[in-house]
N, C-alpha and C. Protein backbone atom coordinates (compact mmCIF):
# COMPACT_ATOMS: atom_id res chain seq x y z
N MET A 1 -1.31 -31.91 158.77
CA MET A 1 -0.96 -31.74 157.38
C MET A 1 -0.14 -32.93 156.92
N HIS A 2 -0.48 -33.49 155.75
CA HIS A 2 0.20 -34.66 155.21
C HIS A 2 1.39 -34.22 154.35
N PRO A 3 2.47 -35.04 154.33
CA PRO A 3 3.59 -34.72 153.45
C PRO A 3 3.13 -34.82 152.00
N PRO A 4 3.81 -34.12 151.09
CA PRO A 4 3.41 -34.19 149.69
C PRO A 4 3.61 -35.59 149.14
N GLU A 5 2.81 -35.97 148.15
CA GLU A 5 2.96 -37.25 147.50
C GLU A 5 4.34 -37.31 146.86
N PRO A 6 4.97 -38.49 146.83
CA PRO A 6 6.30 -38.59 146.22
C PRO A 6 6.32 -38.06 144.79
N TRP A 7 5.25 -38.29 144.06
CA TRP A 7 5.25 -37.88 142.65
C TRP A 7 5.17 -36.37 142.52
N THR A 8 4.61 -35.68 143.52
CA THR A 8 4.55 -34.23 143.47
C THR A 8 5.96 -33.65 143.46
N VAL A 9 6.82 -34.16 144.34
CA VAL A 9 8.20 -33.67 144.42
C VAL A 9 8.96 -34.02 143.15
N LEU A 10 8.82 -35.28 142.69
CA LEU A 10 9.54 -35.69 141.49
C LEU A 10 9.06 -34.94 140.25
N ARG A 11 7.74 -34.70 140.15
CA ARG A 11 7.22 -33.93 139.01
C ARG A 11 7.80 -32.52 139.01
N LEU A 12 7.87 -31.91 140.19
CA LEU A 12 8.42 -30.57 140.29
C LEU A 12 9.88 -30.56 139.83
N CYS A 13 10.67 -31.54 140.29
CA CYS A 13 12.07 -31.63 139.85
C CYS A 13 12.16 -31.81 138.34
N ARG A 14 11.30 -32.69 137.79
CA ARG A 14 11.32 -32.91 136.33
C ARG A 14 10.92 -31.65 135.58
N GLN A 15 9.93 -30.90 136.08
CA GLN A 15 9.52 -29.67 135.42
C GLN A 15 10.64 -28.66 135.40
N ILE A 16 11.34 -28.53 136.52
CA ILE A 16 12.45 -27.59 136.59
C ILE A 16 13.54 -28.00 135.62
N LEU A 17 13.90 -29.30 135.63
CA LEU A 17 14.93 -29.79 134.72
C LEU A 17 14.52 -29.60 133.27
N SER A 18 13.26 -29.85 132.98
CA SER A 18 12.77 -29.70 131.61
C SER A 18 12.88 -28.26 131.15
N LYS A 19 12.50 -27.32 132.02
CA LYS A 19 12.59 -25.91 131.66
C LYS A 19 14.04 -25.49 131.48
N MET A 20 14.94 -26.03 132.33
CA MET A 20 16.35 -25.68 132.22
C MET A 20 16.93 -26.21 130.91
N SER A 21 16.59 -27.46 130.54
CA SER A 21 17.17 -28.02 129.33
C SER A 21 16.49 -27.45 128.08
N ALA A 22 15.22 -27.03 128.20
CA ALA A 22 14.54 -26.46 127.05
C ALA A 22 14.98 -25.02 126.79
N ASN A 23 15.48 -24.34 127.81
CA ASN A 23 15.88 -22.94 127.66
C ASN A 23 17.30 -22.71 128.17
N PRO A 24 18.30 -23.34 127.54
CA PRO A 24 19.67 -23.10 128.01
C PRO A 24 20.08 -21.68 127.68
N PRO A 25 21.09 -21.16 128.38
CA PRO A 25 21.56 -19.83 128.02
C PRO A 25 21.93 -19.80 126.55
N PRO A 26 21.65 -18.71 125.84
CA PRO A 26 21.81 -18.68 124.39
C PRO A 26 23.23 -18.94 123.92
N GLU A 27 24.23 -18.63 124.72
CA GLU A 27 25.60 -18.81 124.26
C GLU A 27 26.11 -20.23 124.45
N VAL A 28 25.33 -21.12 125.07
CA VAL A 28 25.77 -22.49 125.30
C VAL A 28 25.68 -23.27 124.00
N THR A 29 26.79 -23.87 123.61
CA THR A 29 26.82 -24.75 122.46
C THR A 29 27.30 -26.10 122.94
N VAL A 30 26.46 -27.10 122.79
CA VAL A 30 26.82 -28.44 123.24
C VAL A 30 27.63 -29.09 122.13
N THR A 31 28.84 -29.49 122.48
CA THR A 31 29.71 -30.19 121.54
C THR A 31 30.22 -31.45 122.21
N GLU A 32 30.90 -32.26 121.47
CA GLU A 32 31.43 -33.51 122.02
C GLU A 32 32.59 -33.24 122.97
N GLN A 33 33.28 -32.14 122.82
CA GLN A 33 34.45 -31.83 123.64
C GLN A 33 34.39 -30.36 124.03
N THR A 34 35.01 -30.04 125.14
CA THR A 34 35.05 -28.66 125.57
C THR A 34 35.91 -27.85 124.62
N ALA A 35 35.79 -26.53 124.70
CA ALA A 35 36.58 -25.65 123.83
C ALA A 35 38.07 -25.84 124.06
N ARG A 36 38.42 -26.16 125.29
CA ARG A 36 39.82 -26.47 125.59
C ARG A 36 39.85 -27.59 126.61
N PRO A 37 40.93 -28.36 126.65
CA PRO A 37 41.00 -29.46 127.62
C PRO A 37 40.91 -28.93 129.06
N LEU A 38 40.35 -29.75 129.93
CA LEU A 38 40.25 -29.38 131.34
C LEU A 38 41.59 -29.60 132.02
N ASP A 39 41.99 -28.64 132.86
CA ASP A 39 43.20 -28.85 133.66
C ASP A 39 42.78 -29.34 135.04
N GLU A 40 43.76 -29.54 135.92
CA GLU A 40 43.48 -30.09 137.25
C GLU A 40 42.57 -29.17 138.07
N VAL A 41 42.74 -27.86 137.92
CA VAL A 41 41.89 -26.93 138.67
C VAL A 41 40.45 -27.03 138.18
N ASP A 42 40.25 -27.14 136.86
CA ASP A 42 38.89 -27.31 136.33
C ASP A 42 38.26 -28.59 136.88
N ARG A 43 39.01 -29.69 136.87
CA ARG A 43 38.47 -30.95 137.37
C ARG A 43 38.17 -30.86 138.87
N ALA A 44 39.05 -30.20 139.62
CA ALA A 44 38.81 -30.03 141.06
C ALA A 44 37.55 -29.18 141.27
N MET A 45 37.37 -28.15 140.45
CA MET A 45 36.18 -27.31 140.55
C MET A 45 34.92 -28.15 140.30
N LEU A 46 34.96 -28.98 139.30
CA LEU A 46 33.81 -29.81 138.99
C LEU A 46 33.51 -30.78 140.14
N ARG A 47 34.56 -31.34 140.76
CA ARG A 47 34.34 -32.24 141.90
C ARG A 47 33.66 -31.51 143.05
N VAL A 48 34.13 -30.29 143.35
CA VAL A 48 33.53 -29.50 144.44
C VAL A 48 32.07 -29.19 144.10
N LEU A 49 31.81 -28.76 142.87
CA LEU A 49 30.44 -28.39 142.48
C LEU A 49 29.51 -29.60 142.44
N CYS A 50 30.03 -30.76 142.06
CA CYS A 50 29.20 -31.97 142.09
C CYS A 50 28.85 -32.35 143.52
N ASP A 51 29.76 -32.09 144.43
CA ASP A 51 29.52 -32.40 145.84
C ASP A 51 28.58 -31.39 146.48
N ASP A 52 28.74 -30.11 146.12
CA ASP A 52 27.93 -29.04 146.71
C ASP A 52 27.73 -27.94 145.68
N GLY A 53 26.65 -28.04 144.92
CA GLY A 53 26.35 -27.06 143.87
C GLY A 53 25.96 -25.70 144.41
N ARG A 54 25.77 -25.58 145.74
CA ARG A 54 25.37 -24.30 146.33
C ARG A 54 26.54 -23.55 146.96
N VAL A 55 27.75 -24.06 146.76
CA VAL A 55 28.93 -23.43 147.35
C VAL A 55 29.09 -22.01 146.78
N SER A 56 29.48 -21.06 147.64
CA SER A 56 29.67 -19.69 147.16
C SER A 56 30.95 -19.62 146.33
N MET A 57 31.05 -18.61 145.50
CA MET A 57 32.23 -18.43 144.66
C MET A 57 33.48 -18.23 145.53
N LEU A 58 33.34 -17.50 146.65
CA LEU A 58 34.47 -17.29 147.54
C LEU A 58 34.93 -18.61 148.16
N GLU A 59 33.99 -19.42 148.63
CA GLU A 59 34.33 -20.72 149.21
C GLU A 59 34.93 -21.64 148.15
N LEU A 60 34.39 -21.60 146.95
CA LEU A 60 34.92 -22.40 145.86
C LEU A 60 36.37 -22.02 145.59
N ALA A 61 36.64 -20.73 145.50
CA ALA A 61 38.01 -20.25 145.27
C ALA A 61 38.94 -20.70 146.40
N ASN A 62 38.48 -20.57 147.64
CA ASN A 62 39.30 -20.99 148.79
C ASN A 62 39.62 -22.48 148.73
N ARG A 63 38.63 -23.29 148.43
CA ARG A 63 38.87 -24.74 148.36
C ARG A 63 39.85 -25.11 147.25
N LEU A 64 39.84 -24.32 146.17
CA LEU A 64 40.72 -24.61 145.04
C LEU A 64 42.09 -23.94 145.16
N GLY A 65 42.21 -23.00 146.11
CA GLY A 65 43.47 -22.28 146.27
C GLY A 65 43.74 -21.30 145.15
N ILE A 66 42.67 -20.69 144.61
CA ILE A 66 42.81 -19.70 143.54
C ILE A 66 42.03 -18.45 143.94
N SER A 67 42.21 -17.39 143.17
CA SER A 67 41.49 -16.15 143.47
C SER A 67 40.02 -16.29 143.11
N ARG A 68 39.19 -15.45 143.70
CA ARG A 68 37.75 -15.47 143.40
C ARG A 68 37.51 -15.13 141.94
N GLY A 69 38.27 -14.17 141.42
CA GLY A 69 38.13 -13.79 140.01
C GLY A 69 38.46 -14.95 139.08
N ASN A 70 39.52 -15.69 139.40
CA ASN A 70 39.92 -16.85 138.61
C ASN A 70 38.83 -17.92 138.69
N ALA A 71 38.29 -18.15 139.89
CA ALA A 71 37.23 -19.15 140.06
C ALA A 71 36.00 -18.76 139.25
N TYR A 72 35.64 -17.50 139.29
CA TYR A 72 34.47 -17.03 138.55
C TYR A 72 34.70 -17.18 137.04
N ALA A 73 35.88 -16.81 136.56
CA ALA A 73 36.18 -16.91 135.12
C ALA A 73 36.13 -18.37 134.67
N ARG A 74 36.70 -19.27 135.47
CA ARG A 74 36.68 -20.69 135.12
C ARG A 74 35.24 -21.23 135.14
N PHE A 75 34.48 -20.83 136.16
CA PHE A 75 33.09 -21.25 136.27
C PHE A 75 32.31 -20.83 135.02
N GLU A 76 32.46 -19.57 134.64
CA GLU A 76 31.73 -19.05 133.47
C GLU A 76 32.17 -19.75 132.19
N ARG A 77 33.47 -20.04 132.05
CA ARG A 77 33.95 -20.74 130.85
C ARG A 77 33.35 -22.14 130.80
N LEU A 78 33.34 -22.84 131.93
CA LEU A 78 32.77 -24.19 131.96
C LEU A 78 31.27 -24.15 131.64
N ARG A 79 30.60 -23.12 132.09
CA ARG A 79 29.16 -22.97 131.79
C ARG A 79 28.96 -22.68 130.31
N ARG A 80 29.74 -21.72 129.78
CA ARG A 80 29.64 -21.37 128.35
C ARG A 80 29.94 -22.56 127.44
N ASP A 81 30.95 -23.35 127.83
CA ASP A 81 31.35 -24.50 127.03
C ASP A 81 30.37 -25.66 127.14
N GLY A 82 29.40 -25.54 128.02
CA GLY A 82 28.41 -26.60 128.18
C GLY A 82 28.83 -27.72 129.10
N VAL A 83 30.00 -27.58 129.74
CA VAL A 83 30.45 -28.60 130.70
C VAL A 83 29.53 -28.56 131.92
N LEU A 84 29.25 -27.38 132.43
CA LEU A 84 28.26 -27.20 133.49
C LEU A 84 26.92 -26.95 132.81
N ALA A 85 26.06 -27.94 132.85
CA ALA A 85 24.80 -27.86 132.13
C ALA A 85 23.65 -27.41 133.03
N GLY A 86 23.88 -27.25 134.32
CA GLY A 86 22.83 -26.84 135.23
C GLY A 86 23.08 -27.42 136.61
N PHE A 87 22.24 -27.06 137.54
CA PHE A 87 22.35 -27.54 138.91
C PHE A 87 21.01 -28.09 139.33
N THR A 88 21.06 -29.22 140.05
CA THR A 88 19.82 -29.86 140.47
C THR A 88 19.93 -30.28 141.94
N ALA A 89 18.80 -30.62 142.50
CA ALA A 89 18.77 -31.18 143.85
C ALA A 89 18.81 -32.70 143.74
N ARG A 90 19.53 -33.34 144.63
CA ARG A 90 19.52 -34.81 144.69
C ARG A 90 18.40 -35.20 145.65
N VAL A 91 17.45 -35.95 145.16
CA VAL A 91 16.30 -36.35 145.96
C VAL A 91 16.48 -37.79 146.40
N ASP A 92 16.31 -38.06 147.69
CA ASP A 92 16.37 -39.42 148.21
C ASP A 92 15.00 -40.04 148.02
N THR A 93 14.87 -40.82 146.96
CA THR A 93 13.55 -41.38 146.62
C THR A 93 13.04 -42.34 147.69
N ARG A 94 13.93 -42.99 148.41
CA ARG A 94 13.47 -43.91 149.48
C ARG A 94 12.75 -43.12 150.57
N ARG A 95 13.25 -41.93 150.89
CA ARG A 95 12.58 -41.11 151.92
C ARG A 95 11.24 -40.56 151.43
N LEU A 96 11.03 -40.60 150.12
CA LEU A 96 9.73 -40.22 149.57
C LEU A 96 8.76 -41.40 149.53
N GLY A 97 9.25 -42.57 149.97
CA GLY A 97 8.39 -43.75 149.98
C GLY A 97 8.54 -44.61 148.74
N LEU A 98 9.47 -44.28 147.85
CA LEU A 98 9.68 -45.06 146.64
C LEU A 98 10.81 -46.05 146.91
N THR A 99 10.45 -47.17 147.56
CA THR A 99 11.45 -48.09 148.09
C THR A 99 11.77 -49.25 147.15
N VAL A 100 11.06 -49.36 146.05
CA VAL A 100 11.29 -50.44 145.10
C VAL A 100 11.79 -49.83 143.79
N ALA A 101 12.90 -50.40 143.28
CA ALA A 101 13.45 -49.91 142.01
C ALA A 101 13.80 -51.09 141.13
N ALA A 102 13.68 -50.87 139.82
CA ALA A 102 14.00 -51.94 138.87
C ALA A 102 14.45 -51.33 137.56
N PHE A 103 15.34 -52.08 136.90
CA PHE A 103 15.67 -51.76 135.51
C PHE A 103 14.77 -52.62 134.65
N VAL A 104 14.06 -51.98 133.72
CA VAL A 104 13.19 -52.72 132.83
C VAL A 104 13.77 -52.59 131.42
N ASN A 105 14.14 -53.72 130.84
CA ASN A 105 14.61 -53.77 129.47
C ASN A 105 13.38 -53.88 128.58
N VAL A 106 13.30 -53.00 127.60
CA VAL A 106 12.10 -52.91 126.76
C VAL A 106 12.50 -53.13 125.30
N ARG A 107 11.80 -54.06 124.65
CA ARG A 107 11.97 -54.25 123.20
C ARG A 107 10.78 -53.59 122.53
N ILE A 108 11.05 -52.88 121.44
CA ILE A 108 10.01 -52.08 120.80
C ILE A 108 10.01 -52.31 119.28
N GLU A 109 9.00 -51.74 118.65
CA GLU A 109 8.99 -51.60 117.19
C GLU A 109 9.85 -50.38 116.90
N GLN A 110 11.02 -50.60 116.33
CA GLN A 110 12.05 -49.58 116.30
C GLN A 110 11.71 -48.34 115.48
N GLN A 111 10.83 -48.43 114.52
CA GLN A 111 10.51 -47.24 113.74
C GLN A 111 9.79 -46.17 114.57
N SER A 112 9.32 -46.54 115.76
CA SER A 112 8.57 -45.61 116.61
C SER A 112 9.35 -45.21 117.86
N TRP A 113 10.67 -45.36 117.86
CA TRP A 113 11.44 -45.21 119.10
C TRP A 113 11.30 -43.84 119.75
N GLN A 114 11.22 -42.78 118.96
CA GLN A 114 11.12 -41.44 119.56
C GLN A 114 9.78 -41.23 120.26
N THR A 115 8.72 -41.66 119.63
CA THR A 115 7.40 -41.55 120.24
C THR A 115 7.31 -42.43 121.48
N ILE A 116 7.85 -43.63 121.38
CA ILE A 116 7.81 -44.56 122.52
C ILE A 116 8.60 -43.99 123.69
N ARG A 117 9.77 -43.40 123.41
CA ARG A 117 10.57 -42.80 124.49
C ARG A 117 9.76 -41.74 125.22
N LYS A 118 9.08 -40.87 124.49
CA LYS A 118 8.26 -39.82 125.13
C LYS A 118 7.17 -40.45 126.00
N GLN A 119 6.55 -41.51 125.51
CA GLN A 119 5.48 -42.15 126.27
C GLN A 119 6.02 -42.85 127.51
N LEU A 120 7.19 -43.46 127.39
CA LEU A 120 7.80 -44.10 128.57
C LEU A 120 8.11 -43.06 129.64
N LEU A 121 8.69 -41.94 129.21
CA LEU A 121 9.06 -40.90 130.17
C LEU A 121 7.84 -40.18 130.77
N ALA A 122 6.69 -40.31 130.13
CA ALA A 122 5.47 -39.70 130.67
C ALA A 122 4.88 -40.50 131.83
N ILE A 123 5.35 -41.71 132.02
CA ILE A 123 4.88 -42.54 133.14
C ILE A 123 5.57 -42.04 134.41
N ASP A 124 4.80 -41.67 135.42
CA ASP A 124 5.35 -41.07 136.64
C ASP A 124 6.49 -41.87 137.25
N GLU A 125 6.34 -43.16 137.31
CA GLU A 125 7.33 -44.00 137.98
C GLU A 125 8.63 -44.19 137.19
N VAL A 126 8.64 -43.79 135.94
CA VAL A 126 9.85 -43.92 135.11
C VAL A 126 10.75 -42.72 135.38
N GLU A 127 11.93 -43.00 135.92
CA GLU A 127 12.89 -41.95 136.23
C GLU A 127 13.83 -41.67 135.08
N TYR A 128 14.10 -42.68 134.28
CA TYR A 128 15.17 -42.58 133.29
C TYR A 128 14.89 -43.57 132.18
N ALA A 129 15.18 -43.21 130.95
CA ALA A 129 15.07 -44.14 129.82
C ALA A 129 16.26 -43.92 128.90
N ALA A 130 16.95 -45.01 128.59
CA ALA A 130 18.12 -44.94 127.70
C ALA A 130 17.88 -45.82 126.48
N LEU A 131 18.08 -45.27 125.30
CA LEU A 131 18.05 -46.03 124.06
C LEU A 131 19.35 -46.83 124.01
N THR A 132 19.24 -48.15 123.79
CA THR A 132 20.41 -49.02 123.89
C THR A 132 20.53 -49.92 122.67
N THR A 133 21.66 -50.60 122.59
CA THR A 133 21.86 -51.64 121.59
C THR A 133 21.87 -52.97 122.32
N GLY A 134 21.83 -54.05 121.56
CA GLY A 134 21.88 -55.38 122.17
C GLY A 134 20.51 -56.00 122.26
N GLY A 135 20.26 -56.71 123.35
CA GLY A 135 19.04 -57.48 123.50
C GLY A 135 17.79 -56.67 123.76
N SER A 136 17.93 -55.41 124.13
CA SER A 136 16.76 -54.56 124.35
C SER A 136 17.00 -53.21 123.66
N ASP A 137 15.90 -52.50 123.44
CA ASP A 137 15.98 -51.21 122.77
C ASP A 137 16.06 -50.05 123.76
N PHE A 138 15.43 -50.23 124.91
CA PHE A 138 15.48 -49.24 125.98
C PHE A 138 15.78 -49.94 127.29
N VAL A 139 16.51 -49.26 128.16
CA VAL A 139 16.61 -49.66 129.56
C VAL A 139 15.96 -48.52 130.33
N VAL A 140 14.97 -48.87 131.13
CA VAL A 140 14.16 -47.89 131.85
C VAL A 140 14.35 -48.13 133.34
N LEU A 141 14.59 -47.06 134.09
CA LEU A 141 14.65 -47.15 135.55
C LEU A 141 13.29 -46.77 136.09
N VAL A 142 12.69 -47.71 136.82
CA VAL A 142 11.36 -47.50 137.41
C VAL A 142 11.50 -47.48 138.92
N ARG A 143 10.87 -46.51 139.57
CA ARG A 143 10.82 -46.44 141.04
C ARG A 143 9.35 -46.47 141.45
N ALA A 144 9.08 -47.29 142.48
CA ALA A 144 7.70 -47.46 142.93
C ALA A 144 7.65 -47.58 144.44
N ALA A 145 6.46 -47.39 144.98
CA ALA A 145 6.27 -47.47 146.43
C ALA A 145 6.14 -48.91 146.91
N SER A 146 5.82 -49.82 146.00
CA SER A 146 5.64 -51.22 146.41
C SER A 146 5.89 -52.13 145.22
N VAL A 147 6.04 -53.42 145.51
CA VAL A 147 6.20 -54.41 144.45
C VAL A 147 4.93 -54.47 143.61
N GLU A 148 3.79 -54.29 144.25
CA GLU A 148 2.51 -54.31 143.52
C GLU A 148 2.45 -53.16 142.52
N THR A 149 2.91 -51.98 142.93
CA THR A 149 2.91 -50.84 142.02
C THR A 149 3.88 -51.09 140.86
N LEU A 150 5.05 -51.64 141.17
CA LEU A 150 6.01 -51.99 140.12
C LEU A 150 5.38 -52.97 139.14
N ARG A 151 4.71 -53.98 139.67
CA ARG A 151 4.03 -54.96 138.82
C ARG A 151 3.04 -54.27 137.87
N ASP A 152 2.24 -53.34 138.42
CA ASP A 152 1.26 -52.64 137.59
C ASP A 152 1.93 -51.77 136.53
N VAL A 153 3.01 -51.12 136.91
CA VAL A 153 3.73 -50.29 135.94
C VAL A 153 4.25 -51.15 134.79
N VAL A 154 4.90 -52.27 135.12
CA VAL A 154 5.51 -53.11 134.10
C VAL A 154 4.47 -53.85 133.27
N LEU A 155 3.55 -54.52 133.95
CA LEU A 155 2.62 -55.39 133.23
C LEU A 155 1.44 -54.66 132.61
N GLU A 156 1.12 -53.50 133.10
CA GLU A 156 -0.03 -52.78 132.55
C GLU A 156 0.40 -51.53 131.79
N ARG A 157 1.05 -50.60 132.49
CA ARG A 157 1.29 -49.30 131.87
C ARG A 157 2.38 -49.33 130.81
N LEU A 158 3.51 -49.98 131.10
CA LEU A 158 4.56 -50.06 130.08
C LEU A 158 4.09 -50.87 128.88
N ARG A 159 3.44 -51.98 129.15
CA ARG A 159 3.01 -52.87 128.07
C ARG A 159 1.88 -52.26 127.23
N GLN A 160 1.19 -51.24 127.76
CA GLN A 160 0.12 -50.59 127.01
C GLN A 160 0.64 -49.51 126.06
N VAL A 161 1.91 -49.17 126.17
CA VAL A 161 2.48 -48.17 125.26
C VAL A 161 2.53 -48.80 123.87
N PRO A 162 1.87 -48.17 122.89
CA PRO A 162 1.89 -48.73 121.54
C PRO A 162 3.33 -48.85 121.02
N GLY A 163 3.65 -50.03 120.50
CA GLY A 163 4.98 -50.26 119.98
C GLY A 163 5.88 -51.05 120.91
N VAL A 164 5.50 -51.18 122.18
CA VAL A 164 6.28 -51.99 123.12
C VAL A 164 5.94 -53.46 122.85
N ARG A 165 6.99 -54.25 122.56
CA ARG A 165 6.78 -55.68 122.25
C ARG A 165 6.97 -56.56 123.47
N THR A 166 8.10 -56.41 124.17
CA THR A 166 8.37 -57.25 125.34
C THR A 166 9.12 -56.45 126.39
N THR A 167 9.07 -56.94 127.63
CA THR A 167 9.85 -56.33 128.72
C THR A 167 10.54 -57.45 129.49
N PHE A 168 11.64 -57.09 130.11
CA PHE A 168 12.38 -57.99 131.00
C PHE A 168 12.82 -57.14 132.18
N THR A 169 12.42 -57.51 133.39
CA THR A 169 12.63 -56.68 134.57
C THR A 169 13.70 -57.26 135.48
N THR A 170 14.61 -56.38 135.94
CA THR A 170 15.63 -56.75 136.91
C THR A 170 15.43 -55.89 138.15
N LEU A 171 15.10 -56.52 139.26
CA LEU A 171 14.87 -55.80 140.51
C LEU A 171 16.20 -55.33 141.08
N ILE A 172 16.27 -54.10 141.54
CA ILE A 172 17.47 -53.54 142.15
C ILE A 172 17.41 -53.83 143.65
N LEU A 173 18.40 -54.55 144.16
CA LEU A 173 18.42 -54.93 145.57
C LEU A 173 19.06 -53.86 146.44
N ASP A 174 20.07 -53.16 145.91
CA ASP A 174 20.80 -52.17 146.69
C ASP A 174 21.44 -51.19 145.71
N GLU A 175 21.44 -49.93 146.06
CA GLU A 175 22.01 -48.90 145.18
C GLU A 175 23.06 -48.09 145.92
N HIS A 176 24.11 -47.78 145.22
CA HIS A 176 25.15 -46.89 145.73
C HIS A 176 25.55 -45.96 144.60
N PRO A 177 24.76 -44.92 144.35
CA PRO A 177 25.05 -44.04 143.22
C PRO A 177 26.40 -43.35 143.38
N LYS A 178 27.10 -43.23 142.30
CA LYS A 178 28.38 -42.54 142.26
C LYS A 178 28.12 -41.14 141.75
N GLN A 179 28.94 -40.21 142.20
CA GLN A 179 28.84 -38.85 141.68
C GLN A 179 29.17 -38.86 140.20
N THR A 180 28.96 -37.76 139.55
CA THR A 180 29.26 -37.62 138.14
C THR A 180 30.70 -38.06 137.85
N VAL A 181 30.85 -38.84 136.82
CA VAL A 181 32.16 -39.31 136.42
C VAL A 181 32.89 -38.16 135.73
N LEU A 182 34.10 -37.89 136.20
CA LEU A 182 34.90 -36.81 135.63
C LEU A 182 36.14 -37.40 134.97
N PRO A 183 36.65 -36.74 133.95
CA PRO A 183 37.86 -37.27 133.30
C PRO A 183 39.05 -37.21 134.25
N PRO A 184 39.99 -38.14 134.09
CA PRO A 184 41.17 -38.14 134.97
C PRO A 184 42.06 -36.93 134.74
């Protein structure tokens, strides 16, 4: 039996994330700031959950030095306030055979940015797309199994998206992702 194709796993993760973001719990209201400022226990809880999203409520309470009821109440408040937006699996793309990564700066016809963003994200190898200011309109993270595949993605598939004017590619030599940035 052969291992699943890398894109099968990534598509599954994207589908789950898409369903989660398309159907948030009804009481979640996304705002620029939480309903109340985070205290040290809230920040510690977020650090533990970022490190291990599968930790039990009892273990979470023990690590924080608070009661289980307090941990549960804080967890629910953070979820309701939209601070906790969901839980995901971290996938090691290199172990899936996606050993080449690059940031691709994309200049577009700006009146079509929303349509172009959807088309960029529909490309399997595109992991992330950010609308930016400055010299490019989007910065896109592309992961591929080989330099040849990256070449095809950049020179053929990205450039075929209607409205894409130019691209500039920066190959990623080494990555050390940081956990979610939390306020001090």
